[in-house]
């Protein structure tokens, strides 16, 4: 189902194992051509999927209320995430010493630390 809010259009569907997902074309700028980034409502985060497989595993939904709620959750996530990301923080991982920055690595919304590829963030620190 497509939903338009303000000047943005979103597609909302169900993944066979991941509940509701939201597709935002504006979020796809940094993705490789064979990948797509979707907001998974149940997990409250963006996940990368293989574009060729997405169509196999996703189905549209017909409940407009449910779709609108999913988009509103995504919009709130995006606002918070982007405000954290735009600070352009530079640091290193306390666990593996990998160099990190907020523009290239995801932000953990629980602790607001940059999340390393090894899985470490502030939630596990200390």
PDB file of N, CA and C in Angstrom:
ATOM      1  N   UNK A   1       0.840  -1.171   0.000  1.00  0.00           N
ATOM      2  CA  UNK A   1       0.000   0.000   0.000  1.00  0.00           C
ATOM      3  C   UNK A   1       0.885   1.234   0.000  1.00  0.00           C
ATOM      4  N   UNK A   2       0.539   2.195  -0.811  1.00  0.00           N
ATOM      5  CA  UNK A   2       1.269   3.459  -0.837  1.00  0.00           C
ATOM      6  C   UNK A   2       0.519   4.472   0.002  1.00  0.00           C
ATOM      7  N   UNK A   3       1.306   5.265   0.743  1.00  0.00           N
ATOM      8  CA  UNK A   3       0.727   6.322   1.570  1.00  0.00           C
ATOM      9  C   UNK A   3       1.527   7.586   1.316  1.00  0.00           C
ATOM     10  N   UNK A   4       0.839   8.682   1.156  1.00  0.00           N
ATOM     11  CA  UNK A   4       1.509   9.962   0.982  1.00  0.00           C
ATOM     12  C   UNK A   4       1.302  10.803   2.229  1.00  0.00           C
ATOM     13  N   UNK A   5       2.406  11.287   2.792  1.00  0.00           N
ATOM     14  CA  UNK A   5       2.368  12.192   3.937  1.00  0.00           C
ATOM     15  C   UNK A   5       3.247  13.374   3.581  1.00  0.00           C
ATOM     16  N   UNK A   6       2.668  14.553   3.681  1.00  0.00           N
ATOM     17  CA  UNK A   6       3.320  15.776   3.202  1.00  0.00           C
ATOM     18  C   UNK A   6       3.641  15.568   1.724  1.00  0.00           C
ATOM     19  N   UNK A   7       4.896  15.748   1.326  1.00  0.00           N
ATOM     20  CA  UNK A   7       5.261  15.558  -0.085  1.00  0.00           C
ATOM     21  C   UNK A   7       5.965  14.229  -0.328  1.00  0.00           C
ATOM     22  N   UNK A   8       5.978  13.353   0.663  1.00  0.00           N
ATOM     23  CA  UNK A   8       6.690  12.085   0.539  1.00  0.00           C
ATOM     24  C   UNK A   8       5.718  10.924   0.371  1.00  0.00           C
ATOM     25  N   UNK A   9       6.131   9.961  -0.463  1.00  0.00           N
ATOM     26  CA  UNK A   9       5.331   8.763  -0.680  1.00  0.00           C
ATOM     27  C   UNK A   9       6.091   7.564  -0.120  1.00  0.00           C
ATOM     28  N   UNK A  10       5.379   6.714   0.609  1.00  0.00           N
ATOM     29  CA  UNK A  10       5.960   5.536   1.243  1.00  0.00           C
ATOM     30  C   UNK A  10       5.184   4.309   0.793  1.00  0.00           C
ATOM     31  N   UNK A  11       5.880   3.172   0.706  1.00  0.00           N
ATOM     32  CA  UNK A  11       5.230   1.900   0.430  1.00  0.00           C
ATOM     33  C   UNK A  11       5.311   1.062   1.690  1.00  0.00           C
ATOM     34  N   UNK A  12       4.197   0.501   2.098  1.00  0.00           N
ATOM     35  CA  UNK A  12       4.142  -0.312   3.309  1.00  0.00           C
ATOM     36  C   UNK A  12       3.669  -1.700   2.913  1.00  0.00           C
ATOM     37  N   UNK A  13       4.384  -2.692   3.432  1.00  0.00           N
ATOM     38  CA  UNK A  13       4.014  -4.071   3.146  1.00  0.00           C
ATOM     39  C   UNK A  13       4.357  -4.958   4.321  1.00  0.00           C
ATOM     40  N   UNK A  14       4.120  -6.239   4.153  1.00  0.00           N
ATOM     41  CA  UNK A  14       4.486  -7.192   5.195  1.00  0.00           C
ATOM     42  C   UNK A  14       5.555  -8.127   4.662  1.00  0.00           C
ATOM     43  N   UNK A  15       6.527  -8.385   5.497  1.00  0.00           N
ATOM     44  CA  UNK A  15       7.567  -9.365   5.195  1.00  0.00           C
ATOM     45  C   UNK A  15       7.126 -10.654   5.850  1.00  0.00           C
ATOM     46  N   UNK A  16       7.367 -11.768   5.221  1.00  0.00           N
ATOM     47  CA  UNK A  16       6.841 -13.027   5.762  1.00  0.00           C
ATOM     48  C   UNK A  16       7.394 -13.376   7.139  1.00  0.00           C
ATOM     49  N   UNK A  17       8.560 -12.835   7.504  1.00  0.00           N
ATOM     50  CA  UNK A  17       9.106 -13.116   8.838  1.00  0.00           C
ATOM     51  C   UNK A  17       9.357 -11.857   9.666  1.00  0.00           C
ATOM     52  N   UNK A  18       9.192 -10.689   9.102  1.00  0.00           N
ATOM     53  CA  UNK A  18       9.595  -9.467   9.794  1.00  0.00           C
ATOM     54  C   UNK A  18       8.477  -8.449   9.991  1.00  0.00           C
ATOM     55  N   UNK A  19       7.250  -8.871   9.969  1.00  0.00           N
ATOM     56  CA  UNK A  19       6.148  -7.962  10.254  1.00  0.00           C
ATOM     57  C   UNK A  19       6.059  -6.868   9.192  1.00  0.00           C
ATOM     58  N   UNK A  20       5.631  -5.686   9.595  1.00  0.00           N
ATOM     59  CA  UNK A  20       5.463  -4.581   8.657  1.00  0.00           C
ATOM     60  C   UNK A  20       6.807  -3.954   8.296  1.00  0.00           C
ATOM     61  N   UNK A  21       6.943  -3.547   7.040  1.00  0.00           N
ATOM     62  CA  UNK A  21       8.127  -2.827   6.578  1.00  0.00           C
ATOM     63  C   UNK A  21       7.684  -1.584   5.827  1.00  0.00           C
ATOM     64  N   UNK A  22       8.533  -0.549   5.864  1.00  0.00           N
ATOM     65  CA  UNK A  22       8.256   0.702   5.172  1.00  0.00           C
ATOM     66  C   UNK A  22       9.393   0.972   4.198  1.00  0.00           C
ATOM     67  N   UNK A  23       9.031   1.261   2.952  1.00  0.00           N
ATOM     68  CA  UNK A  23      10.000   1.640   1.923  1.00  0.00           C
ATOM     69  C   UNK A  23       9.899   3.139   1.696  1.00  0.00           C
ATOM     70  N   UNK A  24      11.040   3.808   1.759  1.00  0.00           N
ATOM     71  CA  UNK A  24      11.134   5.243   1.519  1.00  0.00           C
ATOM     72  C   UNK A  24      12.184   5.448   0.439  1.00  0.00           C
ATOM     73  N   UNK A  25      11.793   5.936  -0.724  1.00  0.00           N
ATOM     74  CA  UNK A  25      12.748   6.101  -1.829  1.00  0.00           C
ATOM     75  C   UNK A  25      13.860   7.075  -1.461  1.00  0.00           C
ATOM     76  N   UNK A  26      13.581   8.037  -0.590  1.00  0.00           N
ATOM     77  CA  UNK A  26      14.606   9.002  -0.175  1.00  0.00           C
ATOM     78  C   UNK A  26      15.723   8.349   0.644  1.00  0.00           C
ATOM     79  N   UNK A  27      15.460   7.207   1.242  1.00  0.00           N
ATOM     80  CA  UNK A  27      16.458   6.524   2.068  1.00  0.00           C
ATOM     81  C   UNK A  27      17.390   5.635   1.254  1.00  0.00           C
ATOM     82  N   UNK A  28      17.190   5.569  -0.057  1.00  0.00           N
ATOM     83  CA  UNK A  28      17.932   4.628  -0.886  1.00  0.00           C
ATOM     84  C   UNK A  28      19.186   5.218  -1.527  1.00  0.00           C
ATOM     85  N   UNK A  29      19.480   6.487  -1.299  1.00  0.00           N
ATOM     86  CA  UNK A  29      20.574   7.168  -1.991  1.00  0.00           C
ATOM     87  C   UNK A  29      21.928   6.484  -1.859  1.00  0.00           C
ATOM     88  N   UNK A  30      22.265   5.988  -0.690  1.00  0.00           N
ATOM     89  CA  UNK A  30      23.595   5.421  -0.479  1.00  0.00           C
ATOM     90  C   UNK A  30      23.635   3.908  -0.700  1.00  0.00           C
ATOM     91  N   UNK A  31      22.537   3.332  -1.163  1.00  0.00           N
ATOM     92  CA  UNK A  31      22.471   1.880  -1.326  1.00  0.00           C
ATOM     93  C   UNK A  31      23.092   1.444  -2.647  1.00  0.00           C
ATOM     94  N   UNK A  32      23.660   0.235  -2.647  1.00  0.00           N
ATOM     95  CA  UNK A  32      24.146  -0.375  -3.877  1.00  0.00           C
ATOM     96  C   UNK A  32      22.935  -0.697  -4.735  1.00  0.00           C
ATOM     97  N   UNK A  33      23.138  -0.785  -6.037  1.00  0.00           N
ATOM     98  CA  UNK A  33      22.003  -0.978  -6.950  1.00  0.00           C
ATOM     99  C   UNK A  33      21.239  -2.279  -6.709  1.00  0.00           C
ATOM    100  N   UNK A  34      21.879  -3.284  -6.120  1.00  0.00           N
ATOM    101  CA  UNK A  34      21.212  -4.558  -5.890  1.00  0.00           C
ATOM    102  C   UNK A  34      20.633  -4.678  -4.475  1.00  0.00           C
ATOM    103  N   UNK A  35      20.650  -3.582  -3.705  1.00  0.00           N
ATOM    104  CA  UNK A  35      20.144  -3.608  -2.333  1.00  0.00           C
ATOM    105  C   UNK A  35      19.040  -2.582  -2.127  1.00  0.00           C
ATOM    106  N   UNK A  36      18.233  -2.827  -1.129  1.00  0.00           N
ATOM    107  CA  UNK A  36      17.177  -1.895  -0.749  1.00  0.00           C
ATOM    108  C   UNK A  36      17.164  -1.795   0.777  1.00  0.00           C
ATOM    109  N   UNK A  37      16.909  -0.598   1.273  1.00  0.00           N
ATOM    110  CA  UNK A  37      16.868  -0.345   2.708  1.00  0.00           C
ATOM    111  C   UNK A  37      15.411  -0.194   3.123  1.00  0.00           C
ATOM    112  N   UNK A  38      14.984  -1.004   4.095  1.00  0.00           N
ATOM    113  CA  UNK A  38      13.603  -0.969   4.572  1.00  0.00           C
ATOM    114  C   UNK A  38      13.579  -0.751   6.074  1.00  0.00           C
ATOM    115  N   UNK A  39      12.593   0.000   6.550  1.00  0.00           N
ATOM    116  CA  UNK A  39      12.363   0.166   7.976  1.00  0.00           C
ATOM    117  C   UNK A  39      11.487  -0.989   8.434  1.00  0.00           C
ATOM    118  N   UNK A  40      11.994  -1.779   9.391  1.00  0.00           N
ATOM    119  CA  UNK A  40      11.249  -2.912   9.931  1.00  0.00           C
ATOM    120  C   UNK A  40      10.589  -2.446  11.227  1.00  0.00           C
ATOM    121  N   UNK A  41       9.286  -2.310  11.207  1.00  0.00           N
ATOM    122  CA  UNK A  41       8.528  -1.716  12.309  1.00  0.00           C
ATOM    123  C   UNK A  41       8.747  -2.475  13.615  1.00  0.00           C
ATOM    124  N   UNK A  42       8.662  -3.792  13.579  1.00  0.00           N
ATOM    125  CA  UNK A  42       8.779  -4.590  14.803  1.00  0.00           C
ATOM    126  C   UNK A  42      10.136  -4.425  15.478  1.00  0.00           C
ATOM    127  N   UNK A  43      11.179  -4.178  14.681  1.00  0.00           N
ATOM    128  CA  UNK A  43      12.518  -4.022  15.238  1.00  0.00           C
ATOM    129  C   UNK A  43      12.897  -2.560  15.442  1.00  0.00           C
ATOM    130  N   UNK A  44      12.134  -1.651  14.863  1.00  0.00           N
ATOM    131  CA  UNK A  44      12.418  -0.227  15.015  1.00  0.00           C
ATOM    132  C   UNK A  44      13.739   0.181  14.402  1.00  0.00           C
ATOM    133  N   UNK A  45      14.112  -0.468  13.298  1.00  0.00           N
ATOM    134  CA  UNK A  45      15.381  -0.129  12.665  1.00  0.00           C
ATOM    135  C   UNK A  45      15.333  -0.376  11.164  1.00  0.00           C
ATOM    136  N   UNK A  46      16.314   0.196  10.466  1.00  0.00           N
ATOM    137  CA  UNK A  46      16.469  -0.004   9.040  1.00  0.00           C
ATOM    138  C   UNK A  46      17.333  -1.237   8.815  1.00  0.00           C
ATOM    139  N   UNK A  47      16.927  -2.057   7.857  1.00  0.00           N
ATOM    140  CA  UNK A  47      17.709  -3.236   7.492  1.00  0.00           C
ATOM    141  C   UNK A  47      17.881  -3.280   5.978  1.00  0.00           C
ATOM    142  N   UNK A  48      18.996  -3.841   5.549  1.00  0.00           N
ATOM    143  CA  UNK A  48      19.304  -3.967   4.130  1.00  0.00           C
ATOM    144  C   UNK A  48      18.827  -5.322   3.618  1.00  0.00           C
ATOM    145  N   UNK A  49      18.179  -5.299   2.469  1.00  0.00           N
ATOM    146  CA  UNK A  49      17.686  -6.518   1.833  1.00  0.00           C
ATOM    147  C   UNK A  49      18.197  -6.575   0.400  1.00  0.00           C
ATOM    148  N   UNK A  50      18.351  -7.773  -0.134  1.00  0.00           N
ATOM    149  CA  UNK A  50      18.685  -7.955  -1.546  1.00  0.00           C
ATOM    150  C   UNK A  50      17.454  -7.570  -2.359  1.00  0.00           C
ATOM    151  N   UNK A  51      17.624  -6.656  -3.295  1.00  0.00           N
ATOM    152  CA  UNK A  51      16.497  -6.136  -4.065  1.00  0.00           C
ATOM    153  C   UNK A  51      15.742  -7.241  -4.801  1.00  0.00           C
ATOM    154  N   UNK A  52      16.474  -8.204  -5.357  1.00  0.00           N
ATOM    155  CA  UNK A  52      15.823  -9.280  -6.111  1.00  0.00           C
ATOM    156  C   UNK A  52      14.943 -10.166  -5.239  1.00  0.00           C
ATOM    157  N   UNK A  53      15.251 -10.260  -3.953  1.00  0.00           N
ATOM    158  CA  UNK A  53      14.492 -11.133  -3.052  1.00  0.00           C
ATOM    159  C   UNK A  53      13.321 -10.420  -2.385  1.00  0.00           C
ATOM    160  N   UNK A  54      13.386  -9.098  -2.333  1.00  0.00           N
ATOM    161  CA  UNK A  54      12.351  -8.331  -1.638  1.00  0.00           C
ATOM    162  C   UNK A  54      10.975  -8.624  -2.220  1.00  0.00           C
ATOM    163  N   UNK A  55      10.873  -8.631  -3.521  1.00  0.00           N
ATOM    164  CA  UNK A  55       9.570  -8.854  -4.148  1.00  0.00           C
ATOM    165  C   UNK A  55       9.017 -10.240  -3.848  1.00  0.00           C
ATOM    166  N   UNK A  56       9.905 -11.219  -3.631  1.00  0.00           N
ATOM    167  CA  UNK A  56       9.469 -12.572  -3.294  1.00  0.00           C
ATOM    168  C   UNK A  56       8.857 -12.634  -1.896  1.00  0.00           C
ATOM    169  N   UNK A  57       9.401 -11.856  -0.971  1.00  0.00           N
ATOM    170  CA  UNK A  57       9.049 -11.979   0.442  1.00  0.00           C
ATOM    171  C   UNK A  57       8.086 -10.921   0.957  1.00  0.00           C
ATOM    172  N   UNK A  58       7.786  -9.923   0.164  1.00  0.00           N
ATOM    173  CA  UNK A  58       6.905  -8.856   0.627  1.00  0.00           C
ATOM    174  C   UNK A  58       5.544  -8.928  -0.040  1.00  0.00           C
ATOM    175  N   UNK A  59       4.548  -8.572   0.742  1.00  0.00           N
ATOM    176  CA  UNK A  59       3.184  -8.499   0.225  1.00  0.00           C
ATOM    177  C   UNK A  59       2.571  -7.187   0.688  1.00  0.00           C
ATOM    178  N   UNK A  60       1.751  -6.559  -0.143  1.00  0.00           N
ATOM    179  CA  UNK A  60       1.101  -5.320   0.281  1.00  0.00           C
ATOM    180  C   UNK A  60       0.072  -5.589   1.380  1.00  0.00           C
ATOM    181  N   UNK A  61      -0.235  -4.549   2.121  1.00  0.00           N
ATOM    182  CA  UNK A  61      -1.292  -4.669   3.130  1.00  0.00           C
ATOM    183  C   UNK A  61      -2.462  -3.794   2.710  1.00  0.00           C
ATOM    184  N   UNK A  62      -3.623  -4.083   3.226  1.00  0.00           N
ATOM    185  CA  UNK A  62      -4.822  -3.336   2.848  1.00  0.00           C
ATOM    186  C   UNK A  62      -5.369  -2.462   3.967  1.00  0.00           C
ATOM    187  N   UNK A  63      -4.819  -2.587   5.169  1.00  0.00           N
ATOM    188  CA  UNK A  63      -5.319  -1.825   6.318  1.00  0.00           C
ATOM    189  C   UNK A  63      -4.660  -0.449   6.359  1.00  0.00           C
ATOM    190  N   UNK A  64      -5.398   0.561   5.930  1.00  0.00           N
ATOM    191  CA  UNK A  64      -4.829   1.910   5.852  1.00  0.00           C
ATOM    192  C   UNK A  64      -4.392   2.433   7.219  1.00  0.00           C
ATOM    193  N   UNK A  65      -5.142   2.159   8.258  1.00  0.00           N
ATOM    194  CA  UNK A  65      -4.796   2.614   9.606  1.00  0.00           C
ATOM    195  C   UNK A  65      -3.455   2.029  10.035  1.00  0.00           C
ATOM    196  N   UNK A  66      -3.268   0.722   9.823  1.00  0.00           N
ATOM    197  CA  UNK A  66      -2.028   0.046  10.180  1.00  0.00           C
ATOM    198  C   UNK A  66      -0.848   0.603   9.370  1.00  0.00           C
ATOM    199  N   UNK A  67      -1.082   0.859   8.093  1.00  0.00           N
ATOM    200  CA  UNK A  67      -0.042   1.407   7.229  1.00  0.00           C
ATOM    201  C   UNK A  67       0.339   2.820   7.659  1.00  0.00           C
ATOM    202  N   UNK A  68      -0.634   3.636   7.986  1.00  0.00           N
ATOM    203  CA  UNK A  68      -0.366   5.007   8.431  1.00  0.00           C
ATOM    204  C   UNK A  68       0.418   5.004   9.737  1.00  0.00           C
ATOM    205  N   UNK A  69       0.057   4.137  10.660  1.00  0.00           N
ATOM    206  CA  UNK A  69       0.802   4.025  11.921  1.00  0.00           C
ATOM    207  C   UNK A  69       2.248   3.620  11.672  1.00  0.00           C
ATOM    208  N   UNK A  70       2.466   2.681  10.746  1.00  0.00           N
ATOM    209  CA  UNK A  70       3.819   2.231  10.416  1.00  0.00           C
ATOM    210  C   UNK A  70       4.645   3.380   9.845  1.00  0.00           C
ATOM    211  N   UNK A  71       4.054   4.167   8.964  1.00  0.00           N
ATOM    212  CA  UNK A  71       4.770   5.306   8.379  1.00  0.00           C
ATOM    213  C   UNK A  71       5.093   6.344   9.442  1.00  0.00           C
ATOM    214  N   UNK A  72       4.168   6.616  10.338  1.00  0.00           N
ATOM    215  CA  UNK A  72       4.432   7.589  11.409  1.00  0.00           C
ATOM    216  C   UNK A  72       5.558   7.111  12.325  1.00  0.00           C
ATOM    217  N   UNK A  73       5.612   5.825  12.628  1.00  0.00           N
ATOM    218  CA  UNK A  73       6.729   5.290  13.412  1.00  0.00           C
ATOM    219  C   UNK A  73       8.044   5.474  12.668  1.00  0.00           C
ATOM    220  N   UNK A  74       8.026   5.224  11.352  1.00  0.00           N
ATOM    221  CA  UNK A  74       9.225   5.405  10.538  1.00  0.00           C
ATOM    222  C   UNK A  74       9.669   6.869  10.519  1.00  0.00           C
ATOM    223  N   UNK A  75       8.736   7.776  10.344  1.00  0.00           N
ATOM    224  CA  UNK A  75       9.076   9.209  10.291  1.00  0.00           C
ATOM    225  C   UNK A  75       9.711   9.652  11.605  1.00  0.00           C
ATOM    226  N   UNK A  76       9.158   9.216  12.727  1.00  0.00           N
ATOM    227  CA  UNK A  76       9.748   9.556  14.029  1.00  0.00           C
ATOM    228  C   UNK A  76      11.146   8.956  14.172  1.00  0.00           C
ATOM    229  N   UNK A  77      11.329   7.709  13.731  1.00  0.00           N
ATOM    230  CA  UNK A  77      12.640   7.062  13.738  1.00  0.00           C
ATOM    231  C   UNK A  77      13.631   7.876  12.895  1.00  0.00           C
ATOM    232  N   UNK A  78      13.212   8.224  11.682  1.00  0.00           N
ATOM    233  CA  UNK A  78      14.093   8.946  10.756  1.00  0.00           C
ATOM    234  C   UNK A  78      14.522  10.298  11.325  1.00  0.00           C
ATOM    235  N   UNK A  79      13.593  11.021  11.925  1.00  0.00           N
ATOM    236  CA  UNK A  79      13.944  12.326  12.517  1.00  0.00           C
ATOM    237  C   UNK A  79      14.985  12.172  13.623  1.00  0.00           C
ATOM    238  N   UNK A  80      14.748  11.241  14.521  1.00  0.00           N
ATOM    239  CA  UNK A  80      15.682  11.034  15.630  1.00  0.00           C
ATOM    240  C   UNK A  80      17.029  10.532  15.130  1.00  0.00           C
ATOM    241  N   UNK A  81      16.994   9.563  14.235  1.00  0.00           N
ATOM    242  CA  UNK A  81      18.217   8.977  13.704  1.00  0.00           C
ATOM    243  C   UNK A  81      19.048  10.022  12.956  1.00  0.00           C
ATOM    244  N   UNK A  82      18.392  10.809  12.124  1.00  0.00           N
ATOM    245  CA  UNK A  82      19.131  11.807  11.340  1.00  0.00           C
ATOM    246  C   UNK A  82      19.713  12.896  12.231  1.00  0.00           C
ATOM    247  N   UNK A  83      19.024  13.274  13.304  1.00  0.00           N
ATOM    248  CA  UNK A  83      19.584  14.287  14.203  1.00  0.00           C
ATOM    249  C   UNK A  83      20.840  13.763  14.891  1.00  0.00           C
ATOM    250  N   UNK A  84      20.873  12.477  15.199  1.00  0.00           N
ATOM    251  CA  UNK A  84      22.070  11.882  15.793  1.00  0.00           C
ATOM    252  C   UNK A  84      23.178  11.723  14.759  1.00  0.00           C
ATOM    253  N   UNK A  85      22.820  11.330  13.573  1.00  0.00           N
ATOM    254  CA  UNK A  85      23.796  11.065  12.520  1.00  0.00           C
ATOM    255  C   UNK A  85      24.472  12.334  12.026  1.00  0.00           C
ATOM    256  N   UNK A  86      23.746  13.409  11.944  1.00  0.00           N
ATOM    257  CA  UNK A  86      24.276  14.640  11.371  1.00  0.00           C
ATOM    258  C   UNK A  86      25.292  15.353  12.254  1.00  0.00           C
ATOM    259  N   UNK A  87      25.473  14.867  13.461  1.00  0.00           N
ATOM    260  CA  UNK A  87      26.499  15.457  14.323  1.00  0.00           C
ATOM    261  C   UNK A  87      27.908  15.130  13.829  1.00  0.00           C
ATOM    262  N   UNK A  88      28.043  14.160  12.930  1.00  0.00           N
ATOM    263  CA  UNK A  88      29.309  13.708  12.360  1.00  0.00           C
ATOM    264  C   UNK A  88      30.369  13.452  13.425  1.00  0.00           C
ATOM    265  N   UNK A  89      30.070  12.521  14.282  1.00  0.00           N
ATOM    266  CA  UNK A  89      31.015  12.121  15.328  1.00  0.00           C
ATOM    267  C   UNK A  89      32.060  11.164  14.765  1.00  0.00           C
ATOM    268  N   UNK A  90      33.287  11.269  15.264  1.00  0.00           N
ATOM    269  CA  UNK A  90      34.387  10.397  14.869  1.00  0.00           C
ATOM    270  C   UNK A  90      34.990   9.809  16.135  1.00  0.00           C
ATOM    271  N   UNK A  91      35.150   8.481  16.154  1.00  0.00           N
ATOM    272  CA  UNK A  91      35.662   7.804  17.339  1.00  0.00           C
ATOM    273  C   UNK A  91      36.233   6.453  16.923  1.00  0.00           C
ATOM    274  N   UNK A  92      36.385   5.564  17.875  1.00  0.00           N
ATOM    275  CA  UNK A  92      36.804   4.191  17.574  1.00  0.00           C
ATOM    276  C   UNK A  92      35.994   3.241  18.454  1.00  0.00           C
ATOM    277  N   UNK A  93      35.950   1.985  18.056  1.00  0.00           N
ATOM    278  CA  UNK A  93      35.219   0.966  18.803  1.00  0.00           C
ATOM    279  C   UNK A  93      36.021   0.561  20.038  1.00  0.00           C
ATOM    280  N   UNK A  94      35.377   0.556  21.180  1.00  0.00           N
ATOM    281  CA  UNK A  94      36.059   0.158  22.417  1.00  0.00           C
ATOM    282  C   UNK A  94      36.395  -1.330  22.413  1.00  0.00           C
ATOM    283  N   UNK A  95      35.676  -2.119  21.622  1.00  0.00           N
ATOM    284  CA  UNK A  95      35.855  -3.566  21.634  1.00  0.00           C
ATOM    285  C   UNK A  95      36.933  -4.037  20.637  1.00  0.00           C
ATOM    286  N   UNK A  96      36.877  -3.546  19.385  1.00  0.00           N
ATOM    287  CA  UNK A  96      37.815  -4.031  18.363  1.00  0.00           C
ATOM    288  C   UNK A  96      38.756  -2.948  17.836  1.00  0.00           C
ATOM    289  N   UNK A  97      38.584  -1.715  18.314  1.00  0.00           N
ATOM    290  CA  UNK A  97      39.422  -0.572  17.947  1.00  0.00           C
ATOM    291  C   UNK A  97      39.215  -0.089  16.509  1.00  0.00           C
ATOM    292  N   UNK A  98      38.184  -0.551  15.824  1.00  0.00           N
ATOM    293  CA  UNK A  98      37.863  -0.104  14.471  1.00  0.00           C
ATOM    294  C   UNK A  98      37.525   1.391  14.502  1.00  0.00           C
ATOM    295  N   UNK A  99      38.003   2.156  13.510  1.00  0.00           N
ATOM    296  CA  UNK A  99      37.644   3.567  13.405  1.00  0.00           C
ATOM    297  C   UNK A  99      36.177   3.685  13.003  1.00  0.00           C
ATOM    298  N   UNK A 100      35.452   4.584  13.654  1.00  0.00           N
ATOM    299  CA  UNK A 100      34.028   4.764  13.422  1.00  0.00           C
ATOM    300  C   UNK A 100      33.710   6.231  13.182  1.00  0.00           C
ATOM    301  N   UNK A 101      32.657   6.484  12.398  1.00  0.00           N
ATOM    302  CA  UNK A 101      32.104   7.832  12.297  1.00  0.00           C
ATOM    303  C   UNK A 101      30.606   7.712  12.056  1.00  0.00           C
ATOM    304  N   UNK A 102      29.885   8.721  12.448  1.00  0.00           N
ATOM    305  CA  UNK A 102      28.425   8.658  12.416  1.00  0.00           C
ATOM    306  C   UNK A 102      27.837   8.800  11.016  1.00  0.00           C
ATOM    307  N   UNK A 103      28.649   9.134  10.033  1.00  0.00           N
ATOM    308  CA  UNK A 103      28.135   9.260   8.676  1.00  0.00           C
ATOM    309  C   UNK A 103      28.161   7.928   7.923  1.00  0.00           C
ATOM    310  N   UNK A 104      29.034   7.017   8.326  1.00  0.00           N
ATOM    311  CA  UNK A 104      29.186   5.760   7.598  1.00  0.00           C
ATOM    312  C   UNK A 104      28.709   4.539   8.379  1.00  0.00           C
ATOM    313  N   UNK A 105      28.481   4.695   9.657  1.00  0.00           N
ATOM    314  CA  UNK A 105      28.078   3.563  10.497  1.00  0.00           C
ATOM    315  C   UNK A 105      26.721   3.869  11.122  1.00  0.00           C
ATOM    316  N   UNK A 106      25.930   2.837  11.403  1.00  0.00           N
ATOM    317  CA  UNK A 106      24.612   3.081  12.008  1.00  0.00           C
ATOM    318  C   UNK A 106      24.721   3.573  13.449  1.00  0.00           C
ATOM    319  N   UNK A 107      23.685   4.225  13.900  1.00  0.00           N
ATOM    320  CA  UNK A 107      23.594   4.728  15.265  1.00  0.00           C
ATOM    321  C   UNK A 107      22.632   3.832  16.039  1.00  0.00           C
ATOM    322  N   UNK A 108      23.026   3.411  17.235  1.00  0.00           N
ATOM    323  CA  UNK A 108      22.127   2.657  18.106  1.00  0.00           C
ATOM    324  C   UNK A 108      21.176   3.656  18.763  1.00  0.00           C
ATOM    325  N   UNK A 109      19.900   3.476  18.566  1.00  0.00           N
ATOM    326  CA  UNK A 109      18.934   4.420  19.129  1.00  0.00           C
ATOM    327  C   UNK A 109      18.685   4.199  20.617  1.00  0.00           C
ATOM    328  N   UNK A 110      19.141   3.074  21.152  1.00  0.00           N
ATOM    329  CA  UNK A 110      19.015   2.829  22.592  1.00  0.00           C
ATOM    330  C   UNK A 110      20.027   3.661  23.376  1.00  0.00           C
ATOM    331  N   UNK A 111      21.288   3.589  22.979  1.00  0.00           N
ATOM    332  CA  UNK A 111      22.351   4.276  23.729  1.00  0.00           C
ATOM    333  C   UNK A 111      22.886   5.509  23.002  1.00  0.00           C
ATOM    334  N   UNK A 112      22.515   5.675  21.724  1.00  0.00           N
ATOM    335  CA  UNK A 112      22.935   6.774  20.866  1.00  0.00           C
ATOM    336  C   UNK A 112      24.425   6.756  20.529  1.00  0.00           C
ATOM    337  N   UNK A 113      25.065   5.598  20.669  1.00  0.00           N
ATOM    338  CA  UNK A 113      26.453   5.420  20.253  1.00  0.00           C
ATOM    339  C   UNK A 113      26.479   4.940  18.807  1.00  0.00           C
ATOM    340  N   UNK A 114      27.619   5.128  18.152  1.00  0.00           N
ATOM    341  CA  UNK A 114      27.827   4.577  16.822  1.00  0.00           C
ATOM    342  C   UNK A 114      27.996   3.061  16.976  1.00  0.00           C
ATOM    343  N   UNK A 115      27.302   2.304  16.151  1.00  0.00           N
ATOM    344  CA  UNK A 115      27.348   0.844  16.241  1.00  0.00           C
ATOM    345  C   UNK A 115      28.424   0.309  15.293  1.00  0.00           C
ATOM    346  N   UNK A 116      29.336  -0.462  15.825  1.00  0.00           N
ATOM    347  CA  UNK A 116      30.454  -1.022  15.061  1.00  0.00           C
ATOM    348  C   UNK A 116      30.011  -2.255  14.271  1.00  0.00           C
ATOM    349  N   UNK A 117      30.775  -2.596  13.255  1.00  0.00           N
ATOM    350  CA  UNK A 117      30.495  -3.802  12.488  1.00  0.00           C
ATOM    351  C   UNK A 117      30.673  -5.069  13.330  1.00  0.00           C
ATOM    352  N   UNK A 118      31.420  -4.983  14.427  1.00  0.00           N
ATOM    353  CA  UNK A 118      31.566  -6.138  15.317  1.00  0.00           C
ATOM    354  C   UNK A 118      30.352  -6.300  16.222  1.00  0.00           C
ATOM    355  N   UNK A 119      29.424  -5.330  16.174  1.00  0.00           N
ATOM    356  CA  UNK A 119      28.200  -5.398  16.967  1.00  0.00           C
ATOM    357  C   UNK A 119      28.231  -4.591  18.260  1.00  0.00           C
ATOM    358  N   UNK A 120      29.389  -4.036  18.589  1.00  0.00           N
ATOM    359  CA  UNK A 120      29.522  -3.291  19.853  1.00  0.00           C
ATOM    360  C   UNK A 120      28.884  -1.896  19.740  1.00  0.00           C
ATOM    361  N   UNK A 121      28.302  -1.482  20.864  1.00  0.00           N
ATOM    362  CA  UNK A 121      27.797  -0.115  21.020  1.00  0.00           C
ATOM    363  C   UNK A 121      27.794   0.173  22.522  1.00  0.00           C
ATOM    364  N   UNK A 122      27.277   1.286  22.922  1.00  0.00           N
ATOM    365  CA  UNK A 122      27.268   1.670  24.331  1.00  0.00           C
ATOM    366  C   UNK A 122      26.400   0.788  25.202  1.00  0.00           C
ATOM    367  N   UNK A 123      25.453   0.055  24.614  1.00  0.00           N
ATOM    368  CA  UNK A 123      24.588  -0.810  25.408  1.00  0.00           C
ATOM    369  C   UNK A 123      25.374  -1.886  26.130  1.00  0.00           C
ATOM    370  N   UNK A 124      26.502  -2.305  25.547  1.00  0.00           N
ATOM    371  CA  UNK A 124      27.306  -3.374  26.132  1.00  0.00           C
ATOM    372  C   UNK A 124      28.565  -2.857  26.852  1.00  0.00           C
ATOM    373  N   UNK A 125      28.761  -1.555  26.853  1.00  0.00           N
ATOM    374  CA  UNK A 125      29.981  -0.983  27.393  1.00  0.00           C
ATOM    375  C   UNK A 125      29.954  -1.016  28.919  1.00  0.00           C
ATOM    376  N   UNK A 126      31.092  -1.327  29.484  1.00  0.00           N
ATOM    377  CA  UNK A 126      31.235  -1.214  30.928  1.00  0.00           C
ATOM    378  C   UNK A 126      31.025  -2.477  31.598  1.00  0.00           C
TER     379      UNK A 126
END
